[in-house]
Amino acid sequence: MAALPIATTSFTPPSSSLSTSKSSSSLPAAASAAASDTTAEVQVVPPLKARPPRKVALLIEPTPFTHISGYANRFNELLRYLSKAGDHVDILTVDSKTPKEELPTKAFGYDIEHTQGFVFPLYNHISLTVDLPEMKGAKMMERRRPDLIHVTSPGFMLFAGLFYAKIMRIPLCKS
């Protein structure tokens, strides 16, 4: 898959951004000359709908959907962005501490699937998984063959993602 091109443009800061309560004539000559010639390359992000929608399989461990944290905020912003771009996202996560009837089933219009997991003994606030015995990840990949698998995991779901990417020949991104 080709990388998205990023357009660049020159940016010249307005002279008022360098001014203080003193006049610009009171600046040293070298600083004044540098201020008048300052340009920088600024990357311009292409519009979200510049490319056709992508199909993304998002494998998240532990779940960000049942608690409030910076981790949860990160995924809410990611899903909000992907939703605005029109991308199709399938989400697989694990939360073995929350009762099944209380687990969320949707986020930003995307379905959330939960797989079996276990509580990590050294840090009992998180659930981890290898997506066995259910292999919900494999079923998810077969149902809508994604353009990309994005695994975000400090634990064992990475191994399931690596396996699915290798067997199904799907590009993998890990964060």
N, C-alpha and C. Protein backbone atom coordinates (compact mmCIF):
# COMPACT_ATOMS: atom_id res chain seq x y z
N MET A 1 0.83 -1.17 0.00
CA MET A 1 0.00 0.00 0.00
C MET A 1 0.88 1.24 0.00
N ALA A 2 0.58 2.22 -0.81
CA ALA A 2 1.38 3.43 -0.87
C ALA A 2 1.07 4.33 0.31
N ALA A 3 2.09 5.04 0.76
CA ALA A 3 1.90 5.98 1.87
C ALA A 3 1.16 7.21 1.37
N LEU A 4 0.42 7.83 2.25
CA LEU A 4 -0.29 9.05 1.89
C LEU A 4 0.71 10.18 1.71
N PRO A 5 0.63 10.93 0.60
CA PRO A 5 1.54 12.06 0.43
C PRO A 5 1.12 13.19 1.36
N ILE A 6 2.10 13.92 1.83
CA ILE A 6 1.81 15.07 2.68
C ILE A 6 2.27 16.31 1.95
N ALA A 7 1.35 17.22 1.71
CA ALA A 7 1.67 18.45 1.02
C ALA A 7 2.41 19.38 1.97
N THR A 8 3.35 20.14 1.43
CA THR A 8 4.06 21.11 2.25
C THR A 8 3.87 22.50 1.66
N THR A 9 3.98 23.47 2.49
CA THR A 9 3.87 24.85 2.06
C THR A 9 4.77 25.70 2.93
N SER A 10 5.17 26.83 2.43
CA SER A 10 6.01 27.73 3.23
C SER A 10 5.14 28.53 4.17
N PHE A 11 5.71 28.85 5.31
CA PHE A 11 4.98 29.61 6.31
C PHE A 11 5.87 30.73 6.79
N THR A 12 5.40 31.93 6.71
CA THR A 12 6.13 33.07 7.23
C THR A 12 5.35 33.64 8.39
N PRO A 13 5.92 33.62 9.59
CA PRO A 13 5.18 34.15 10.72
C PRO A 13 5.00 35.65 10.57
N PRO A 14 3.85 36.17 10.99
CA PRO A 14 3.64 37.61 10.91
C PRO A 14 4.63 38.33 11.81
N SER A 15 5.04 39.51 11.40
CA SER A 15 6.03 40.25 12.18
C SER A 15 5.51 40.57 13.58
N SER A 16 4.20 40.66 13.74
CA SER A 16 3.64 40.96 15.06
C SER A 16 3.89 39.84 16.05
N SER A 17 4.13 38.60 15.55
CA SER A 17 4.38 37.50 16.47
C SER A 17 5.74 37.62 17.13
N LEU A 18 6.63 38.42 16.55
CA LEU A 18 7.95 38.60 17.12
C LEU A 18 8.06 39.89 17.91
N SER A 19 7.06 40.72 17.79
CA SER A 19 7.17 42.02 18.46
C SER A 19 6.81 41.91 19.93
N THR A 20 7.38 42.80 20.68
CA THR A 20 7.09 42.90 22.10
C THR A 20 6.60 44.30 22.36
N SER A 21 6.61 44.70 23.58
CA SER A 21 6.16 46.06 23.87
C SER A 21 7.15 47.09 23.33
N LYS A 22 8.39 46.66 23.05
CA LYS A 22 9.37 47.56 22.45
C LYS A 22 9.19 47.55 20.94
N SER A 23 9.65 48.54 20.27
CA SER A 23 9.54 48.57 18.82
C SER A 23 10.57 47.62 18.23
N SER A 24 10.35 47.20 16.99
CA SER A 24 11.26 46.27 16.35
C SER A 24 12.63 46.89 16.11
N SER A 25 12.70 48.22 16.09
CA SER A 25 13.98 48.88 15.88
C SER A 25 14.89 48.70 17.09
N SER A 26 14.34 48.36 18.24
CA SER A 26 15.18 48.17 19.42
C SER A 26 15.77 46.76 19.48
N LEU A 27 15.36 45.84 18.57
CA LEU A 27 15.95 44.52 18.51
C LEU A 27 17.37 44.62 17.97
N PRO A 28 18.26 43.75 18.40
CA PRO A 28 19.60 43.74 17.79
C PRO A 28 19.49 43.51 16.30
N ALA A 29 20.42 44.03 15.54
CA ALA A 29 20.37 43.98 14.07
C ALA A 29 20.29 42.55 13.56
N ALA A 30 21.06 41.62 14.14
CA ALA A 30 21.04 40.23 13.67
C ALA A 30 19.68 39.60 13.89
N ALA A 31 19.07 39.84 15.06
CA ALA A 31 17.76 39.28 15.36
C ALA A 31 16.70 39.88 14.45
N SER A 32 16.81 41.16 14.18
CA SER A 32 15.85 41.83 13.30
C SER A 32 15.93 41.26 11.90
N ALA A 33 17.14 41.02 11.40
CA ALA A 33 17.32 40.47 10.06
C ALA A 33 16.79 39.04 10.00
N ALA A 34 17.05 38.25 11.05
CA ALA A 34 16.57 36.87 11.09
C ALA A 34 15.06 36.82 11.13
N ALA A 35 14.44 37.74 11.87
CA ALA A 35 12.99 37.77 11.98
C ALA A 35 12.33 38.08 10.65
N SER A 36 12.96 38.93 9.85
CA SER A 36 12.34 39.29 8.57
C SER A 36 12.49 38.19 7.53
N ASP A 37 13.47 37.29 7.70
CA ASP A 37 13.69 36.23 6.72
C ASP A 37 13.21 34.87 7.19
N THR A 38 12.47 34.80 8.30
CA THR A 38 12.07 33.51 8.86
C THR A 38 10.97 32.87 8.03
N THR A 39 11.28 31.67 7.54
CA THR A 39 10.26 30.84 6.89
C THR A 39 10.50 29.43 7.38
N ALA A 40 9.45 28.66 7.45
CA ALA A 40 9.56 27.28 7.91
C ALA A 40 8.64 26.41 7.06
N GLU A 41 9.02 25.17 6.87
CA GLU A 41 8.16 24.23 6.17
C GLU A 41 7.10 23.72 7.14
N VAL A 42 5.85 23.82 6.74
CA VAL A 42 4.74 23.35 7.56
C VAL A 42 4.02 22.26 6.79
N GLN A 43 3.79 21.14 7.43
CA GLN A 43 3.08 20.06 6.76
C GLN A 43 1.59 20.30 6.85
N VAL A 44 0.92 20.20 5.71
CA VAL A 44 -0.51 20.39 5.64
C VAL A 44 -1.15 19.02 5.51
N VAL A 45 -2.04 18.68 6.41
CA VAL A 45 -2.70 17.38 6.41
C VAL A 45 -3.77 17.38 5.32
N PRO A 46 -3.79 16.35 4.48
CA PRO A 46 -4.83 16.30 3.45
C PRO A 46 -6.21 16.12 4.08
N PRO A 47 -7.26 16.49 3.37
CA PRO A 47 -8.61 16.32 3.90
C PRO A 47 -8.87 14.85 4.25
N LEU A 48 -9.68 14.62 5.28
CA LEU A 48 -9.94 13.27 5.75
C LEU A 48 -10.54 12.38 4.68
N LYS A 49 -11.33 12.94 3.80
CA LYS A 49 -12.00 12.14 2.79
C LYS A 49 -11.25 12.16 1.45
N ALA A 50 -9.95 12.50 1.47
CA ALA A 50 -9.15 12.56 0.25
C ALA A 50 -8.93 11.18 -0.35
N ARG A 51 -8.99 10.15 0.46
CA ARG A 51 -8.77 8.78 0.01
C ARG A 51 -10.03 7.96 0.26
N PRO A 52 -10.20 6.85 -0.46
CA PRO A 52 -11.36 5.99 -0.19
C PRO A 52 -11.29 5.46 1.24
N PRO A 53 -12.43 5.12 1.82
CA PRO A 53 -12.44 4.58 3.18
C PRO A 53 -11.60 3.32 3.28
N ARG A 54 -10.96 3.16 4.41
CA ARG A 54 -10.14 1.98 4.66
C ARG A 54 -10.84 1.08 5.66
N LYS A 55 -10.52 -0.19 5.57
CA LYS A 55 -11.04 -1.17 6.53
C LYS A 55 -9.92 -1.48 7.51
N VAL A 56 -10.17 -1.21 8.79
CA VAL A 56 -9.16 -1.38 9.82
C VAL A 56 -9.68 -2.35 10.88
N ALA A 57 -8.84 -3.32 11.23
CA ALA A 57 -9.13 -4.20 12.37
C ALA A 57 -8.31 -3.66 13.53
N LEU A 58 -8.98 -3.23 14.57
CA LEU A 58 -8.32 -2.64 15.74
C LEU A 58 -8.39 -3.63 16.89
N LEU A 59 -7.23 -4.17 17.27
CA LEU A 59 -7.14 -5.13 18.36
C LEU A 59 -6.56 -4.39 19.56
N ILE A 60 -7.37 -4.18 20.59
CA ILE A 60 -6.97 -3.35 21.73
C ILE A 60 -6.94 -4.19 23.00
N GLU A 61 -5.80 -4.13 23.70
CA GLU A 61 -5.67 -4.84 24.97
C GLU A 61 -4.86 -3.97 25.92
N PRO A 62 -5.34 -3.68 27.10
CA PRO A 62 -6.66 -3.95 27.66
C PRO A 62 -7.69 -2.98 27.09
N THR A 63 -8.94 -3.18 27.42
CA THR A 63 -10.00 -2.34 26.86
C THR A 63 -9.92 -0.91 27.36
N PRO A 64 -10.14 0.07 26.49
CA PRO A 64 -10.23 1.45 26.93
C PRO A 64 -11.68 1.91 27.12
N PHE A 65 -12.63 1.00 26.92
CA PHE A 65 -14.04 1.39 26.86
C PHE A 65 -14.80 1.30 28.17
N THR A 66 -14.17 0.80 29.23
CA THR A 66 -14.91 0.65 30.49
C THR A 66 -14.32 1.48 31.63
N HIS A 67 -13.42 2.37 31.32
CA HIS A 67 -12.88 3.25 32.35
C HIS A 67 -12.41 4.55 31.72
N ILE A 68 -12.12 5.54 32.54
CA ILE A 68 -11.67 6.85 32.07
C ILE A 68 -10.19 6.99 32.37
N SER A 69 -9.42 7.28 31.34
CA SER A 69 -7.98 7.48 31.49
C SER A 69 -7.45 8.13 30.21
N GLY A 70 -6.18 8.48 30.22
CA GLY A 70 -5.56 9.00 29.01
C GLY A 70 -5.58 7.96 27.90
N TYR A 71 -5.44 6.71 28.29
CA TYR A 71 -5.50 5.59 27.34
C TYR A 71 -6.87 5.56 26.66
N ALA A 72 -7.92 5.71 27.45
CA ALA A 72 -9.28 5.72 26.90
C ALA A 72 -9.48 6.93 25.99
N ASN A 73 -8.97 8.09 26.41
CA ASN A 73 -9.10 9.31 25.60
C ASN A 73 -8.42 9.14 24.25
N ARG A 74 -7.26 8.49 24.24
CA ARG A 74 -6.53 8.25 23.00
C ARG A 74 -7.38 7.47 22.01
N PHE A 75 -8.04 6.43 22.47
CA PHE A 75 -8.84 5.61 21.56
C PHE A 75 -10.12 6.31 21.16
N ASN A 76 -10.71 7.08 22.04
CA ASN A 76 -11.89 7.85 21.66
C ASN A 76 -11.54 8.83 20.55
N GLU A 77 -10.40 9.49 20.65
CA GLU A 77 -9.99 10.44 19.61
C GLU A 77 -9.65 9.70 18.31
N LEU A 78 -8.97 8.56 18.40
CA LEU A 78 -8.66 7.78 17.21
C LEU A 78 -9.94 7.36 16.50
N LEU A 79 -10.90 6.83 17.24
CA LEU A 79 -12.15 6.38 16.63
C LEU A 79 -12.96 7.55 16.09
N ARG A 80 -12.93 8.68 16.77
CA ARG A 80 -13.63 9.87 16.26
C ARG A 80 -13.03 10.28 14.92
N TYR A 81 -11.72 10.30 14.83
CA TYR A 81 -11.01 10.66 13.60
C TYR A 81 -11.33 9.68 12.47
N LEU A 82 -11.24 8.38 12.76
CA LEU A 82 -11.52 7.37 11.73
C LEU A 82 -12.98 7.45 11.27
N SER A 83 -13.87 7.76 12.19
CA SER A 83 -15.28 7.90 11.85
C SER A 83 -15.49 9.09 10.91
N LYS A 84 -14.85 10.20 11.21
CA LYS A 84 -14.96 11.38 10.34
C LYS A 84 -14.38 11.12 8.96
N ALA A 85 -13.35 10.26 8.91
CA ALA A 85 -12.72 9.92 7.62
C ALA A 85 -13.57 8.93 6.82
N GLY A 86 -14.58 8.33 7.47
CA GLY A 86 -15.43 7.37 6.78
C GLY A 86 -14.85 5.97 6.74
N ASP A 87 -13.81 5.72 7.54
CA ASP A 87 -13.19 4.40 7.55
C ASP A 87 -14.08 3.39 8.27
N HIS A 88 -13.92 2.13 7.92
CA HIS A 88 -14.67 1.03 8.54
C HIS A 88 -13.74 0.38 9.56
N VAL A 89 -14.17 0.29 10.81
CA VAL A 89 -13.32 -0.24 11.87
C VAL A 89 -14.04 -1.38 12.57
N ASP A 90 -13.34 -2.50 12.71
CA ASP A 90 -13.81 -3.61 13.52
C ASP A 90 -12.93 -3.63 14.76
N ILE A 91 -13.53 -3.68 15.94
CA ILE A 91 -12.79 -3.58 17.20
C ILE A 91 -12.91 -4.89 17.96
N LEU A 92 -11.76 -5.40 18.40
CA LEU A 92 -11.71 -6.56 19.27
C LEU A 92 -10.93 -6.16 20.51
N THR A 93 -11.50 -6.39 21.68
CA THR A 93 -10.86 -6.03 22.93
C THR A 93 -11.18 -7.08 23.99
N VAL A 94 -10.61 -6.89 25.17
CA VAL A 94 -10.81 -7.84 26.27
C VAL A 94 -11.03 -7.07 27.56
N ASP A 95 -11.99 -7.55 28.34
CA ASP A 95 -12.23 -7.02 29.68
C ASP A 95 -12.88 -8.13 30.48
N SER A 96 -12.08 -8.85 31.24
CA SER A 96 -12.61 -9.97 32.01
C SER A 96 -13.09 -9.57 33.39
N LYS A 97 -12.98 -8.28 33.73
CA LYS A 97 -13.40 -7.81 35.05
C LYS A 97 -14.83 -7.24 35.05
N THR A 98 -15.28 -6.73 33.92
CA THR A 98 -16.61 -6.12 33.82
C THR A 98 -17.63 -7.20 33.49
N PRO A 99 -18.77 -7.20 34.18
CA PRO A 99 -19.81 -8.19 33.84
C PRO A 99 -20.21 -8.08 32.36
N LYS A 100 -20.45 -9.21 31.76
CA LYS A 100 -20.74 -9.29 30.32
C LYS A 100 -21.87 -8.35 29.90
N GLU A 101 -22.92 -8.26 30.72
CA GLU A 101 -24.06 -7.42 30.35
C GLU A 101 -23.74 -5.92 30.43
N GLU A 102 -22.64 -5.55 31.06
CA GLU A 102 -22.25 -4.14 31.17
C GLU A 102 -21.19 -3.72 30.15
N LEU A 103 -20.69 -4.66 29.37
CA LEU A 103 -19.66 -4.33 28.38
C LEU A 103 -20.27 -3.52 27.24
N PRO A 104 -19.60 -2.46 26.81
CA PRO A 104 -20.14 -1.67 25.69
C PRO A 104 -20.08 -2.46 24.39
N THR A 105 -21.04 -2.23 23.54
CA THR A 105 -21.10 -2.95 22.26
C THR A 105 -20.83 -2.04 21.07
N LYS A 106 -20.80 -0.72 21.29
CA LYS A 106 -20.56 0.24 20.20
C LYS A 106 -19.74 1.42 20.72
N ALA A 107 -18.94 1.98 19.81
CA ALA A 107 -18.22 3.22 20.08
C ALA A 107 -18.11 3.97 18.75
N PHE A 108 -18.62 5.18 18.69
CA PHE A 108 -18.59 6.01 17.49
C PHE A 108 -19.17 5.30 16.28
N GLY A 109 -20.18 4.48 16.52
CA GLY A 109 -20.85 3.76 15.45
C GLY A 109 -20.18 2.45 15.06
N TYR A 110 -19.08 2.12 15.68
CA TYR A 110 -18.37 0.88 15.38
C TYR A 110 -18.72 -0.18 16.41
N ASP A 111 -18.88 -1.42 15.93
CA ASP A 111 -19.16 -2.54 16.83
C ASP A 111 -17.90 -2.90 17.62
N ILE A 112 -18.10 -3.22 18.88
CA ILE A 112 -17.01 -3.69 19.73
C ILE A 112 -17.27 -5.15 20.06
N GLU A 113 -16.30 -6.00 19.76
CA GLU A 113 -16.38 -7.41 20.14
C GLU A 113 -15.42 -7.65 21.30
N HIS A 114 -15.85 -8.48 22.23
CA HIS A 114 -15.04 -8.81 23.39
C HIS A 114 -14.67 -10.28 23.33
N THR A 115 -13.42 -10.57 23.57
CA THR A 115 -12.95 -11.95 23.58
C THR A 115 -12.58 -12.35 25.01
N GLN A 116 -12.44 -13.63 25.24
CA GLN A 116 -12.11 -14.12 26.57
C GLN A 116 -10.69 -13.70 26.94
N GLY A 117 -10.49 -13.48 28.23
CA GLY A 117 -9.18 -13.08 28.69
C GLY A 117 -8.94 -13.50 30.12
N PHE A 118 -7.88 -13.00 30.68
CA PHE A 118 -7.53 -13.30 32.06
C PHE A 118 -6.95 -12.04 32.71
N VAL A 119 -7.03 -11.97 34.01
CA VAL A 119 -6.47 -10.84 34.74
C VAL A 119 -4.98 -11.11 34.93
N PHE A 120 -4.19 -10.12 34.60
CA PHE A 120 -2.74 -10.24 34.73
C PHE A 120 -2.36 -10.23 36.20
N PRO A 121 -1.72 -11.29 36.71
CA PRO A 121 -1.47 -11.41 38.15
C PRO A 121 -0.59 -10.32 38.75
N LEU A 122 0.33 -9.75 37.96
CA LEU A 122 1.21 -8.71 38.50
C LEU A 122 0.59 -7.32 38.48
N TYR A 123 -0.52 -7.18 37.76
CA TYR A 123 -1.21 -5.88 37.68
C TYR A 123 -2.69 -6.18 37.48
N ASN A 124 -3.41 -6.36 38.56
CA ASN A 124 -4.77 -6.91 38.46
C ASN A 124 -5.83 -5.93 37.94
N HIS A 125 -5.42 -4.77 37.45
CA HIS A 125 -6.38 -3.82 36.88
C HIS A 125 -6.62 -4.04 35.39
N ILE A 126 -5.80 -4.89 34.77
CA ILE A 126 -5.95 -5.07 33.33
C ILE A 126 -6.23 -6.53 32.99
N SER A 127 -6.91 -6.70 31.87
CA SER A 127 -7.19 -8.03 31.32
C SER A 127 -6.36 -8.21 30.06
N LEU A 128 -5.85 -9.40 29.87
CA LEU A 128 -5.05 -9.73 28.69
C LEU A 128 -5.67 -10.93 27.99
N THR A 129 -5.26 -11.17 26.75
CA THR A 129 -5.82 -12.28 25.99
C THR A 129 -4.86 -12.74 24.91
N VAL A 130 -5.03 -13.96 24.48
CA VAL A 130 -4.38 -14.46 23.26
C VAL A 130 -5.46 -14.82 22.23
N ASP A 131 -6.70 -14.42 22.52
CA ASP A 131 -7.86 -14.65 21.64
C ASP A 131 -8.13 -16.14 21.43
N LEU A 132 -7.93 -16.90 22.47
CA LEU A 132 -8.25 -18.33 22.44
C LEU A 132 -9.23 -18.64 23.56
N PRO A 133 -10.11 -19.55 23.43
CA PRO A 133 -10.27 -20.50 22.33
C PRO A 133 -11.20 -19.98 21.23
N GLU A 134 -11.81 -18.83 21.44
CA GLU A 134 -12.84 -18.34 20.52
C GLU A 134 -12.32 -17.92 19.15
N MET A 135 -11.12 -17.36 19.10
CA MET A 135 -10.54 -16.81 17.87
C MET A 135 -11.48 -15.83 17.19
N LYS A 136 -12.06 -14.93 17.99
CA LYS A 136 -12.96 -13.92 17.44
C LYS A 136 -12.24 -13.02 16.44
N GLY A 137 -10.95 -12.80 16.66
CA GLY A 137 -10.18 -11.98 15.73
C GLY A 137 -10.14 -12.59 14.34
N ALA A 138 -9.92 -13.89 14.27
CA ALA A 138 -9.88 -14.59 12.97
C ALA A 138 -11.23 -14.49 12.27
N LYS A 139 -12.29 -14.67 13.03
CA LYS A 139 -13.64 -14.56 12.45
C LYS A 139 -13.90 -13.15 11.96
N MET A 140 -13.43 -12.17 12.72
CA MET A 140 -13.59 -10.76 12.34
C MET A 140 -12.83 -10.48 11.04
N MET A 141 -11.62 -11.02 10.90
CA MET A 141 -10.81 -10.81 9.69
C MET A 141 -11.45 -11.47 8.47
N GLU A 142 -12.03 -12.65 8.67
CA GLU A 142 -12.67 -13.36 7.57
C GLU A 142 -13.94 -12.64 7.11
N ARG A 143 -14.67 -12.08 8.07
CA ARG A 143 -15.94 -11.41 7.76
C ARG A 143 -15.72 -10.17 6.89
N ARG A 144 -14.73 -9.35 7.23
CA ARG A 144 -14.47 -8.14 6.45
C ARG A 144 -12.95 -8.00 6.37
N ARG A 145 -12.40 -8.57 5.36
CA ARG A 145 -10.94 -8.59 5.22
C ARG A 145 -10.41 -7.15 5.30
N PRO A 146 -9.70 -6.82 6.39
CA PRO A 146 -9.25 -5.44 6.56
C PRO A 146 -8.05 -5.10 5.67
N ASP A 147 -7.87 -3.80 5.42
CA ASP A 147 -6.69 -3.32 4.72
C ASP A 147 -5.49 -3.27 5.67
N LEU A 148 -5.78 -3.18 6.97
CA LEU A 148 -4.74 -3.03 7.97
C LEU A 148 -5.20 -3.60 9.30
N ILE A 149 -4.29 -4.27 9.99
CA ILE A 149 -4.53 -4.69 11.37
C ILE A 149 -3.71 -3.77 12.26
N HIS A 150 -4.37 -3.09 13.19
CA HIS A 150 -3.68 -2.23 14.14
C HIS A 150 -3.81 -2.88 15.52
N VAL A 151 -2.68 -3.35 16.06
CA VAL A 151 -2.65 -3.97 17.38
C VAL A 151 -2.07 -2.96 18.35
N THR A 152 -2.77 -2.73 19.42
CA THR A 152 -2.26 -1.87 20.47
C THR A 152 -2.35 -2.65 21.76
N SER A 153 -1.19 -3.04 22.25
CA SER A 153 -1.20 -3.99 23.33
C SER A 153 0.11 -3.98 24.09
N PRO A 154 0.02 -3.99 25.41
CA PRO A 154 1.25 -4.22 26.17
C PRO A 154 1.42 -5.70 26.47
N GLY A 155 0.52 -6.53 25.95
CA GLY A 155 0.51 -7.93 26.36
C GLY A 155 0.46 -8.91 25.22
N PHE A 156 -0.39 -9.90 25.40
CA PHE A 156 -0.38 -11.08 24.55
C PHE A 156 -1.21 -10.97 23.27
N MET A 157 -2.11 -10.00 23.17
CA MET A 157 -2.91 -9.89 21.95
C MET A 157 -2.03 -9.62 20.74
N LEU A 158 -0.86 -9.08 20.98
CA LEU A 158 0.09 -8.86 19.90
C LEU A 158 0.36 -10.16 19.15
N PHE A 159 0.50 -11.27 19.87
CA PHE A 159 0.79 -12.55 19.23
C PHE A 159 -0.36 -13.01 18.35
N ALA A 160 -1.59 -12.77 18.79
CA ALA A 160 -2.75 -13.09 17.95
C ALA A 160 -2.73 -12.22 16.69
N GLY A 161 -2.45 -10.91 16.86
CA GLY A 161 -2.38 -10.01 15.71
C GLY A 161 -1.29 -10.39 14.72
N LEU A 162 -0.12 -10.76 15.24
CA LEU A 162 0.97 -11.21 14.37
C LEU A 162 0.57 -12.46 13.59
N PHE A 163 -0.09 -13.38 14.27
CA PHE A 163 -0.54 -14.62 13.64
C PHE A 163 -1.54 -14.32 12.52
N TYR A 164 -2.56 -13.49 12.82
CA TYR A 164 -3.57 -13.17 11.80
C TYR A 164 -2.94 -12.45 10.61
N ALA A 165 -2.04 -11.51 10.88
CA ALA A 165 -1.40 -10.75 9.80
C ALA A 165 -0.57 -11.67 8.91
N LYS A 166 0.17 -12.58 9.52
CA LYS A 166 1.04 -13.50 8.76
C LYS A 166 0.22 -14.49 7.93
N ILE A 167 -0.75 -15.12 8.56
CA ILE A 167 -1.55 -16.14 7.87
C ILE A 167 -2.42 -15.54 6.77
N MET A 168 -3.02 -14.37 7.06
CA MET A 168 -3.95 -13.75 6.12
C MET A 168 -3.30 -12.73 5.20
N ARG A 169 -1.97 -12.53 5.39
CA ARG A 169 -1.20 -11.58 4.56
C ARG A 169 -1.82 -10.20 4.57
N ILE A 170 -2.02 -9.68 5.76
CA ILE A 170 -2.59 -8.34 5.96
C ILE A 170 -1.53 -7.49 6.66
N PRO A 171 -1.29 -6.26 6.18
CA PRO A 171 -0.31 -5.41 6.85
C PRO A 171 -0.68 -5.18 8.33
N LEU A 172 0.35 -5.08 9.16
CA LEU A 172 0.18 -4.93 10.60
C LEU A 172 0.86 -3.67 11.09
N CYS A 173 0.17 -2.95 11.94
CA CYS A 173 0.71 -1.77 12.61
C CYS A 173 0.58 -2.03 14.10
N LYS A 174 1.63 -1.76 14.87
CA LYS A 174 1.58 -1.97 16.31
C LYS A 174 1.90 -0.67 17.03
N SER A 175 1.12 -0.40 18.05
CA SER A 175 1.41 0.77 18.89
C SER A 175 1.20 0.40 20.34
